[in-house]
Amino acid sequence: MSDAALPTAAEVRAAAEAVKEALDRHLAAVERRTGDEDPDVYAAFNELAAAAEEYDELLYDRYDEVTPFEIPTPDDGVPYTGPAEPAAFSVLIRRDYAVVEPPRLIAQAERVAAHDRDAELVPDGGTAGALGVLFGEYEPDEIASRYKEFGLEEGDSTLWIAASEEMAEPGEWLNSPFGHTDPEDVMHRFDVSSVFDEETDEFGEEADEDEGGHTGQDQPARPGLTPA
């Protein structure tokens, strides 16, 4: 890049100030959040991610230096190409669980079936039948918040917000509810994974071993949220 095309020192400084302001807004949103999926926190995270990326690019172009910030993105990196103002949208959620205590899961289902005539627990249904009873009784968000009570262990989870041209007709996609989603229609994606904790722990261990506290590697972020 020629000197004429380089960002100015003032532009780099302005980008740094934008990161500071975005950090303040993100912290303020976190401090007043109303739940684990607070939209204000998501919006502030996205703004912080964009500001950090802009600053990182300008800093590198001007001074050939990098920041320790790493904003995780989906591995495929598919860009959003849908409408800027979608008329409708779909929310797709995947949450993984391991059944670590089958007797506890079955006991919870038996308790529900004992008090609800519509919740029929097949005697030989095992954990498969128990899951049908529990998810028929409780909302998925309640099970996610009480998973230990049901003998479950959390795995990764992801939430996608995908744009649509118009609201689907009743029953239109029920035979294949997830097959119609194009990755390029995903406006926002939020991931939660223990991999963020593991990466952070690994960095911390390496930093302890280094007398100067610097590993020579970029420090991974642990946002728990991944914008599309």
C-alpha atoms as a PDB file:
ATOM      1  CA  MET A   1       0.000   0.000   0.000  1.00  0.00           C
ATOM      2  CA  SER A   2       1.352   3.391  -0.978  1.00  0.00           C
ATOM      3  CA  ASP A   3       1.782   6.174   1.562  1.00  0.00           C
ATOM      4  CA  ALA A   4      -1.011   8.093  -0.165  1.00  0.00           C
ATOM      5  CA  ALA A   5      -3.439   5.208   0.449  1.00  0.00           C
ATOM      6  CA  LEU A   6      -2.485   4.736   4.099  1.00  0.00           C
ATOM      7  CA  PRO A   7      -5.012   5.786   6.729  1.00  0.00           C
ATOM      8  CA  THR A   8      -3.968   8.885   8.615  1.00  0.00           C
ATOM      9  CA  ALA A   9      -2.921   8.885  12.246  1.00  0.00           C
ATOM     10  CA  ALA A  10      -6.072  10.848  12.993  1.00  0.00           C
ATOM     11  CA  GLU A  11      -8.222   8.140  11.390  1.00  0.00           C
ATOM     12  CA  VAL A  12      -6.549   5.459  13.495  1.00  0.00           C
ATOM     13  CA  ARG A  13      -7.044   7.568  16.621  1.00  0.00           C
ATOM     14  CA  ALA A  14     -10.725   8.101  15.761  1.00  0.00           C
ATOM     15  CA  ALA A  15     -11.188   4.353  15.317  1.00  0.00           C
ATOM     16  CA  ALA A  16      -9.582   3.751  18.723  1.00  0.00           C
ATOM     17  CA  GLU A  17     -11.970   6.247  20.314  1.00  0.00           C
ATOM     18  CA  ALA A  18     -14.878   4.447  18.625  1.00  0.00           C
ATOM     19  CA  VAL A  19     -13.764   1.180  20.248  1.00  0.00           C
ATOM     20  CA  LYS A  20     -13.661   2.856  23.674  1.00  0.00           C
ATOM     21  CA  GLU A  21     -17.169   4.232  23.213  1.00  0.00           C
ATOM     22  CA  ALA A  22     -18.430   0.841  21.999  1.00  0.00           C
ATOM     23  CA  LEU A  23     -16.873  -0.801  25.059  1.00  0.00           C
ATOM     24  CA  ASP A  24     -18.734   1.619  27.331  1.00  0.00           C
ATOM     25  CA  ARG A  25     -22.025   0.945  25.544  1.00  0.00           C
ATOM     26  CA  HIS A  26     -21.473  -2.823  25.718  1.00  0.00           C
ATOM     27  CA  LEU A  27     -20.729  -2.737  29.453  1.00  0.00           C
ATOM     28  CA  ALA A  28     -23.762  -0.531  30.091  1.00  0.00           C
ATOM     29  CA  ALA A  29     -25.973  -2.967  28.148  1.00  0.00           C
ATOM     30  CA  VAL A  30     -24.587  -5.934  30.088  1.00  0.00           C
ATOM     31  CA  GLU A  31     -25.140  -4.180  33.428  1.00  0.00           C
ATOM     32  CA  ARG A  32     -28.817  -3.547  32.679  1.00  0.00           C
ATOM     33  CA  ARG A  33     -29.566  -6.761  30.775  1.00  0.00           C
ATOM     34  CA  THR A  34     -32.899  -8.448  31.425  1.00  0.00           C
ATOM     35  CA  GLY A  35     -31.900 -12.028  30.560  1.00  0.00           C
ATOM     36  CA  ASP A  36     -29.473 -14.320  28.738  1.00  0.00           C
ATOM     37  CA  GLU A  37     -30.819 -13.282  25.321  1.00  0.00           C
ATOM     38  CA  ASP A  38     -31.183  -9.536  25.870  1.00  0.00           C
ATOM     39  CA  PRO A  39     -31.396  -7.845  22.430  1.00  0.00           C
ATOM     40  CA  ASP A  40     -29.597  -4.728  23.691  1.00  0.00           C
ATOM     41  CA  VAL A  41     -26.587  -6.839  24.677  1.00  0.00           C
ATOM     42  CA  TYR A  42     -26.555  -8.507  21.253  1.00  0.00           C
ATOM     43  CA  ALA A  43     -26.737  -5.133  19.505  1.00  0.00           C
ATOM     44  CA  ALA A  44     -23.953  -3.697  21.671  1.00  0.00           C
ATOM     45  CA  PHE A  45     -21.799  -6.764  21.016  1.00  0.00           C
ATOM     46  CA  ASN A  46     -22.220  -6.379  17.259  1.00  0.00           C
ATOM     47  CA  GLU A  47     -21.323  -2.694  17.458  1.00  0.00           C
ATOM     48  CA  LEU A  48     -18.226  -3.498  19.524  1.00  0.00           C
ATOM     49  CA  ALA A  49     -17.206  -6.236  17.085  1.00  0.00           C
ATOM     50  CA  ALA A  50     -17.520  -3.867  14.118  1.00  0.00           C
ATOM     51  CA  ALA A  51     -15.586  -1.086  15.875  1.00  0.00           C
ATOM     52  CA  ALA A  52     -12.797  -3.448  16.939  1.00  0.00           C
ATOM     53  CA  GLU A  53     -12.486  -4.867  13.427  1.00  0.00           C
ATOM     54  CA  GLU A  54     -12.294  -1.374  11.901  1.00  0.00           C
ATOM     55  CA  TYR A  55      -9.621  -0.297  14.385  1.00  0.00           C
ATOM     56  CA  ASP A  56      -7.620  -3.472  13.837  1.00  0.00           C
ATOM     57  CA  GLU A  57      -7.596  -2.959  10.067  1.00  0.00           C
ATOM     58  CA  LEU A  58      -6.587   0.700  10.252  1.00  0.00           C
ATOM     59  CA  LEU A  59      -3.915  -0.004  12.863  1.00  0.00           C
ATOM     60  CA  TYR A  60      -2.393  -2.704  10.677  1.00  0.00           C
ATOM     61  CA  ASP A  61      -2.530  -0.594   7.519  1.00  0.00           C
ATOM     62  CA  ARG A  62      -0.967   2.435   9.181  1.00  0.00           C
ATOM     63  CA  TYR A  63       1.519   0.904  11.621  1.00  0.00           C
ATOM     64  CA  ASP A  64       1.756  -2.784  10.665  1.00  0.00           C
ATOM     65  CA  GLU A  65       0.563  -3.675  14.172  1.00  0.00           C
ATOM     66  CA  VAL A  66      -2.312  -5.882  15.375  1.00  0.00           C
ATOM     67  CA  THR A  67      -4.628  -5.986  18.395  1.00  0.00           C
ATOM     68  CA  PRO A  68      -5.277  -8.959  20.742  1.00  0.00           C
ATOM     69  CA  PHE A  69      -8.954  -8.909  19.726  1.00  0.00           C
ATOM     70  CA  GLU A  70     -10.410 -11.858  17.853  1.00  0.00           C
ATOM     71  CA  ILE A  71     -14.078 -11.773  16.879  1.00  0.00           C
ATOM     72  CA  PRO A  72     -15.185 -15.340  16.095  1.00  0.00           C
ATOM     73  CA  THR A  73     -17.300 -15.900  13.000  1.00  0.00           C
ATOM     74  CA  PRO A  74     -18.881 -19.019  11.525  1.00  0.00           C
ATOM     75  CA  ASP A  75     -16.298 -21.284   9.872  1.00  0.00           C
ATOM     76  CA  ASP A  76     -17.914 -21.006   6.462  1.00  0.00           C
ATOM     77  CA  GLY A  77     -17.940 -17.203   6.600  1.00  0.00           C
ATOM     78  CA  VAL A  78     -21.068 -17.001   4.414  1.00  0.00           C
ATOM     79  CA  PRO A  79     -22.016 -13.312   4.012  1.00  0.00           C
ATOM     80  CA  TYR A  80     -25.597 -12.130   4.384  1.00  0.00           C
ATOM     81  CA  THR A  81     -27.064 -11.253   1.000  1.00  0.00           C
ATOM     82  CA  GLY A  82     -30.733 -10.929   1.915  1.00  0.00           C
ATOM     83  CA  PRO A  83     -32.892  -7.805   2.063  1.00  0.00           C
ATOM     84  CA  ALA A  84     -31.856  -4.904   4.294  1.00  0.00           C
ATOM     85  CA  GLU A  85     -35.429  -4.639   5.604  1.00  0.00           C
ATOM     86  CA  PRO A  86     -36.931  -8.146   5.579  1.00  0.00           C
ATOM     87  CA  ALA A  87     -40.700  -8.410   5.735  1.00  0.00           C
ATOM     88  CA  ALA A  88     -40.502 -11.569   7.853  1.00  0.00           C
ATOM     89  CA  PHE A  89     -37.905 -13.747   9.507  1.00  0.00           C
ATOM     90  CA  SER A  90     -37.402 -17.192  11.040  1.00  0.00           C
ATOM     91  CA  VAL A  91     -35.647 -18.061  14.303  1.00  0.00           C
ATOM     92  CA  LEU A  92     -33.826 -21.391  14.210  1.00  0.00           C
ATOM     93  CA  ILE A  93     -32.372 -22.802  17.418  1.00  0.00           C
ATOM     94  CA  ARG A  94     -30.232 -25.856  18.082  1.00  0.00           C
ATOM     95  CA  ARG A  95     -29.237 -26.907  21.605  1.00  0.00           C
ATOM     96  CA  ASP A  96     -27.305 -30.098  22.301  1.00  0.00           C
ATOM     97  CA  TYR A  97     -27.652 -32.090  25.516  1.00  0.00           C
ATOM     98  CA  ALA A  98     -26.119 -35.271  26.888  1.00  0.00           C
ATOM     99  CA  VAL A  99     -28.304 -37.557  29.014  1.00  0.00           C
ATOM    100  CA  VAL A 100     -25.953 -38.062  31.978  1.00  0.00           C
ATOM    101  CA  GLU A 101     -28.517 -39.274  34.537  1.00  0.00           C
ATOM    102  CA  PRO A 102     -31.237 -41.345  32.808  1.00  0.00           C
ATOM    103  CA  PRO A 103     -32.995 -42.302  36.090  1.00  0.00           C
ATOM    104  CA  ARG A 104     -33.384 -38.618  37.011  1.00  0.00           C
ATOM    105  CA  LEU A 105     -34.771 -37.826  33.547  1.00  0.00           C
ATOM    106  CA  ILE A 106     -37.296 -40.665  33.731  1.00  0.00           C
ATOM    107  CA  ALA A 107     -38.287 -39.780  37.307  1.00  0.00           C
ATOM    108  CA  GLN A 108     -39.063 -36.197  36.258  1.00  0.00           C
ATOM    109  CA  ALA A 109     -41.212 -37.469  33.382  1.00  0.00           C
ATOM    110  CA  GLU A 110     -43.051 -39.864  35.704  1.00  0.00           C
ATOM    111  CA  ARG A 111     -43.766 -36.964  38.050  1.00  0.00           C
ATOM    112  CA  VAL A 112     -45.282 -34.951  35.194  1.00  0.00           C
ATOM    113  CA  ALA A 113     -47.333 -37.911  33.946  1.00  0.00           C
ATOM    114  CA  ALA A 114     -48.707 -38.521  37.435  1.00  0.00           C
ATOM    115  CA  HIS A 115     -50.260 -35.038  37.505  1.00  0.00           C
ATOM    116  CA  ASP A 116     -51.193 -34.595  33.840  1.00  0.00           C
ATOM    117  CA  ARG A 117     -53.598 -37.012  32.172  1.00  0.00           C
ATOM    118  CA  ASP A 118     -52.491 -35.820  28.719  1.00  0.00           C
ATOM    119  CA  ALA A 119     -48.829 -36.620  29.448  1.00  0.00           C
ATOM    120  CA  GLU A 120     -48.718 -40.362  28.776  1.00  0.00           C
ATOM    121  CA  LEU A 121     -45.388 -41.990  29.584  1.00  0.00           C
ATOM    122  CA  VAL A 122     -44.941 -45.284  27.747  1.00  0.00           C
ATOM    123  CA  PRO A 123     -43.698 -47.799  30.368  1.00  0.00           C
ATOM    124  CA  ASP A 124     -40.901 -49.141  28.175  1.00  0.00           C
ATOM    125  CA  GLY A 125     -40.184 -45.841  26.471  1.00  0.00           C
ATOM    126  CA  GLY A 126     -37.030 -45.202  28.521  1.00  0.00           C
ATOM    127  CA  THR A 127     -35.349 -41.839  28.041  1.00  0.00           C
ATOM    128  CA  ALA A 128     -36.929 -41.393  24.581  1.00  0.00           C
ATOM    129  CA  GLY A 129     -40.427 -41.510  26.075  1.00  0.00           C
ATOM    130  CA  ALA A 130     -39.367 -39.323  29.000  1.00  0.00           C
ATOM    131  CA  LEU A 131     -38.058 -36.635  26.671  1.00  0.00           C
ATOM    132  CA  GLY A 132     -41.379 -36.584  24.842  1.00  0.00           C
ATOM    133  CA  VAL A 133     -43.243 -36.024  28.110  1.00  0.00           C
ATOM    134  CA  LEU A 134     -40.897 -33.325  29.395  1.00  0.00           C
ATOM    135  CA  PHE A 135     -40.740 -31.317  26.177  1.00  0.00           C
ATOM    136  CA  GLY A 136     -44.512 -31.634  25.914  1.00  0.00           C
ATOM    137  CA  GLU A 137     -44.866 -30.122  29.393  1.00  0.00           C
ATOM    138  CA  TYR A 138     -42.094 -27.513  29.508  1.00  0.00           C
ATOM    139  CA  GLU A 139     -40.969 -24.798  27.112  1.00  0.00           C
ATOM    140  CA  PRO A 140     -37.466 -25.402  25.641  1.00  0.00           C
ATOM    141  CA  ASP A 141     -36.166 -22.259  27.398  1.00  0.00           C
ATOM    142  CA  GLU A 142     -37.309 -23.622  30.777  1.00  0.00           C
ATOM    143  CA  ILE A 143     -35.565 -26.932  30.149  1.00  0.00           C
ATOM    144  CA  ALA A 144     -32.441 -24.997  29.120  1.00  0.00           C
ATOM    145  CA  SER A 145     -32.487 -23.109  32.425  1.00  0.00           C
ATOM    146  CA  ARG A 146     -33.181 -26.246  34.528  1.00  0.00           C
ATOM    147  CA  TYR A 147     -31.281 -28.891  32.564  1.00  0.00           C
ATOM    148  CA  LYS A 148     -29.463 -30.256  35.634  1.00  0.00           C
ATOM    149  CA  GLU A 149     -32.799 -31.051  37.285  1.00  0.00           C
ATOM    150  CA  PHE A 150     -33.589 -33.321  34.341  1.00  0.00           C
ATOM    151  CA  GLY A 151     -30.281 -35.197  34.436  1.00  0.00           C
ATOM    152  CA  LEU A 152     -28.918 -33.430  31.386  1.00  0.00           C
ATOM    153  CA  GLU A 153     -25.616 -31.778  30.497  1.00  0.00           C
ATOM    154  CA  GLU A 154     -25.399 -28.816  28.144  1.00  0.00           C
ATOM    155  CA  GLY A 155     -23.464 -28.950  24.879  1.00  0.00           C
ATOM    156  CA  ASP A 156     -23.094 -26.317  22.166  1.00  0.00           C
ATOM    157  CA  SER A 157     -26.006 -24.156  21.097  1.00  0.00           C
ATOM    158  CA  THR A 158     -26.682 -21.798  18.204  1.00  0.00           C
ATOM    159  CA  LEU A 159     -29.450 -19.372  17.278  1.00  0.00           C
ATOM    160  CA  TRP A 160     -29.969 -18.149  13.721  1.00  0.00           C
ATOM    161  CA  ILE A 161     -32.179 -15.277  12.567  1.00  0.00           C
ATOM    162  CA  ALA A 162     -32.917 -15.790   8.877  1.00  0.00           C
ATOM    163  CA  ALA A 163     -34.688 -13.305   6.608  1.00  0.00           C
ATOM    164  CA  SER A 164     -37.779 -14.225   4.585  1.00  0.00           C
ATOM    165  CA  GLU A 165     -39.470 -12.450   1.714  1.00  0.00           C
ATOM    166  CA  GLU A 166     -42.872 -13.021   3.302  1.00  0.00           C
ATOM    167  CA  MET A 167     -44.534 -15.007   6.048  1.00  0.00           C
ATOM    168  CA  ALA A 168     -44.974 -18.660   5.088  1.00  0.00           C
ATOM    169  CA  GLU A 169     -48.481 -20.032   4.635  1.00  0.00           C
ATOM    170  CA  PRO A 170     -49.812 -22.138   7.544  1.00  0.00           C
ATOM    171  CA  GLY A 171     -48.429 -25.659   7.287  1.00  0.00           C
ATOM    172  CA  GLU A 172     -46.253 -24.778   4.274  1.00  0.00           C
ATOM    173  CA  TRP A 173     -42.898 -25.916   5.685  1.00  0.00           C
ATOM    174  CA  LEU A 174     -43.933 -28.370   8.407  1.00  0.00           C
ATOM    175  CA  ASN A 175     -42.760 -31.418   6.440  1.00  0.00           C
ATOM    176  CA  SER A 176     -39.233 -29.962   6.220  1.00  0.00           C
ATOM    177  CA  PRO A 177     -38.935 -27.140   8.772  1.00  0.00           C
ATOM    178  CA  PHE A 178     -35.180 -26.586   8.515  1.00  0.00           C
ATOM    179  CA  GLY A 179     -34.382 -27.556   4.952  1.00  0.00           C
ATOM    180  CA  HIS A 180     -35.524 -24.260   3.412  1.00  0.00           C
ATOM    181  CA  THR A 181     -32.937 -22.034   5.132  1.00  0.00           C
ATOM    182  CA  ASP A 182     -30.209 -20.586   2.898  1.00  0.00           C
ATOM    183  CA  PRO A 183     -27.037 -19.621   4.843  1.00  0.00           C
ATOM    184  CA  GLU A 184     -26.941 -16.356   2.887  1.00  0.00           C
ATOM    185  CA  ASP A 185     -30.320 -15.430   4.413  1.00  0.00           C
ATOM    186  CA  VAL A 186     -28.978 -15.635   7.976  1.00  0.00           C
ATOM    187  CA  MET A 187     -28.886 -12.049   9.248  1.00  0.00           C
ATOM    188  CA  HIS A 188     -27.524 -12.842  12.707  1.00  0.00           C
ATOM    189  CA  ARG A 189     -26.045 -15.907  14.358  1.00  0.00           C
ATOM    190  CA  PHE A 190     -25.306 -16.355  18.057  1.00  0.00           C
ATOM    191  CA  ASP A 191     -23.223 -19.320  19.255  1.00  0.00           C
ATOM    192  CA  VAL A 192     -22.538 -20.578  22.769  1.00  0.00           C
ATOM    193  CA  SER A 193     -19.819 -23.203  23.191  1.00  0.00           C
ATOM    194  CA  SER A 194     -17.413 -24.417  25.831  1.00  0.00           C
ATOM    195  CA  VAL A 195     -14.697 -24.050  23.192  1.00  0.00           C
ATOM    196  CA  PHE A 196     -14.549 -20.355  24.104  1.00  0.00           C
ATOM    197  CA  ASP A 197     -13.768 -21.282  27.718  1.00  0.00           C
ATOM    198  CA  GLU A 198     -11.142 -23.828  26.652  1.00  0.00           C
ATOM    199  CA  GLU A 199      -9.360 -21.348  24.382  1.00  0.00           C
ATOM    200  CA  THR A 200      -9.326 -18.723  27.125  1.00  0.00           C
ATOM    201  CA  ASP A 201      -7.996 -21.233  29.671  1.00  0.00           C
ATOM    202  CA  GLU A 202      -5.231 -22.336  27.309  1.00  0.00           C
ATOM    203  CA  PHE A 203      -4.154 -18.751  26.785  1.00  0.00           C
ATOM    204  CA  GLY A 204      -4.137 -18.112  30.526  1.00  0.00           C
ATOM    205  CA  GLU A 205      -1.937 -21.151  31.209  1.00  0.00           C
ATOM    206  CA  GLU A 206       0.556 -20.097  28.569  1.00  0.00           C
ATOM    207  CA  ALA A 207       0.662 -16.573  29.938  1.00  0.00           C
ATOM    208  CA  ASP A 208       1.466 -17.911  33.421  1.00  0.00           C
ATOM    209  CA  GLU A 209       4.406 -19.861  32.035  1.00  0.00           C
ATOM    210  CA  ASP A 210       5.786 -16.771  30.280  1.00  0.00           C
ATOM    211  CA  GLU A 211       7.616 -14.534  32.759  1.00  0.00           C
ATOM    212  CA  GLY A 212       6.584 -11.447  30.834  1.00  0.00           C
ATOM    213  CA  GLY A 213       2.963 -12.571  30.680  1.00  0.00           C
ATOM    214  CA  HIS A 214       2.965 -12.452  26.871  1.00  0.00           C
ATOM    215  CA  THR A 215       2.563 -15.575  24.761  1.00  0.00           C
ATOM    216  CA  GLY A 216       3.237 -14.091  21.360  1.00  0.00           C
ATOM    217  CA  GLN A 217      -0.280 -15.139  20.300  1.00  0.00           C
ATOM    218  CA  ASP A 218      -3.491 -13.214  19.925  1.00  0.00           C
ATOM    219  CA  GLN A 219      -5.731 -13.645  22.938  1.00  0.00           C
ATOM    220  CA  PRO A 220      -8.973 -15.383  21.972  1.00  0.00           C
ATOM    221  CA  ALA A 221     -12.183 -13.632  22.849  1.00  0.00           C
ATOM    222  CA  ARG A 222     -14.861 -15.351  24.893  1.00  0.00           C
ATOM    223  CA  PRO A 223     -18.040 -13.607  23.823  1.00  0.00           C
ATOM    224  CA  GLY A 224     -20.386 -16.555  23.704  1.00  0.00           C
ATOM    225  CA  LEU A 225     -22.031 -14.695  20.830  1.00  0.00           C
ATOM    226  CA  THR A 226     -21.097 -14.914  17.189  1.00  0.00           C
ATOM    227  CA  PRO A 227     -22.566 -12.422  14.727  1.00  0.00           C
ATOM    228  CA  ALA A 228     -23.214 -13.745  11.247  1.00  0.00           C
END
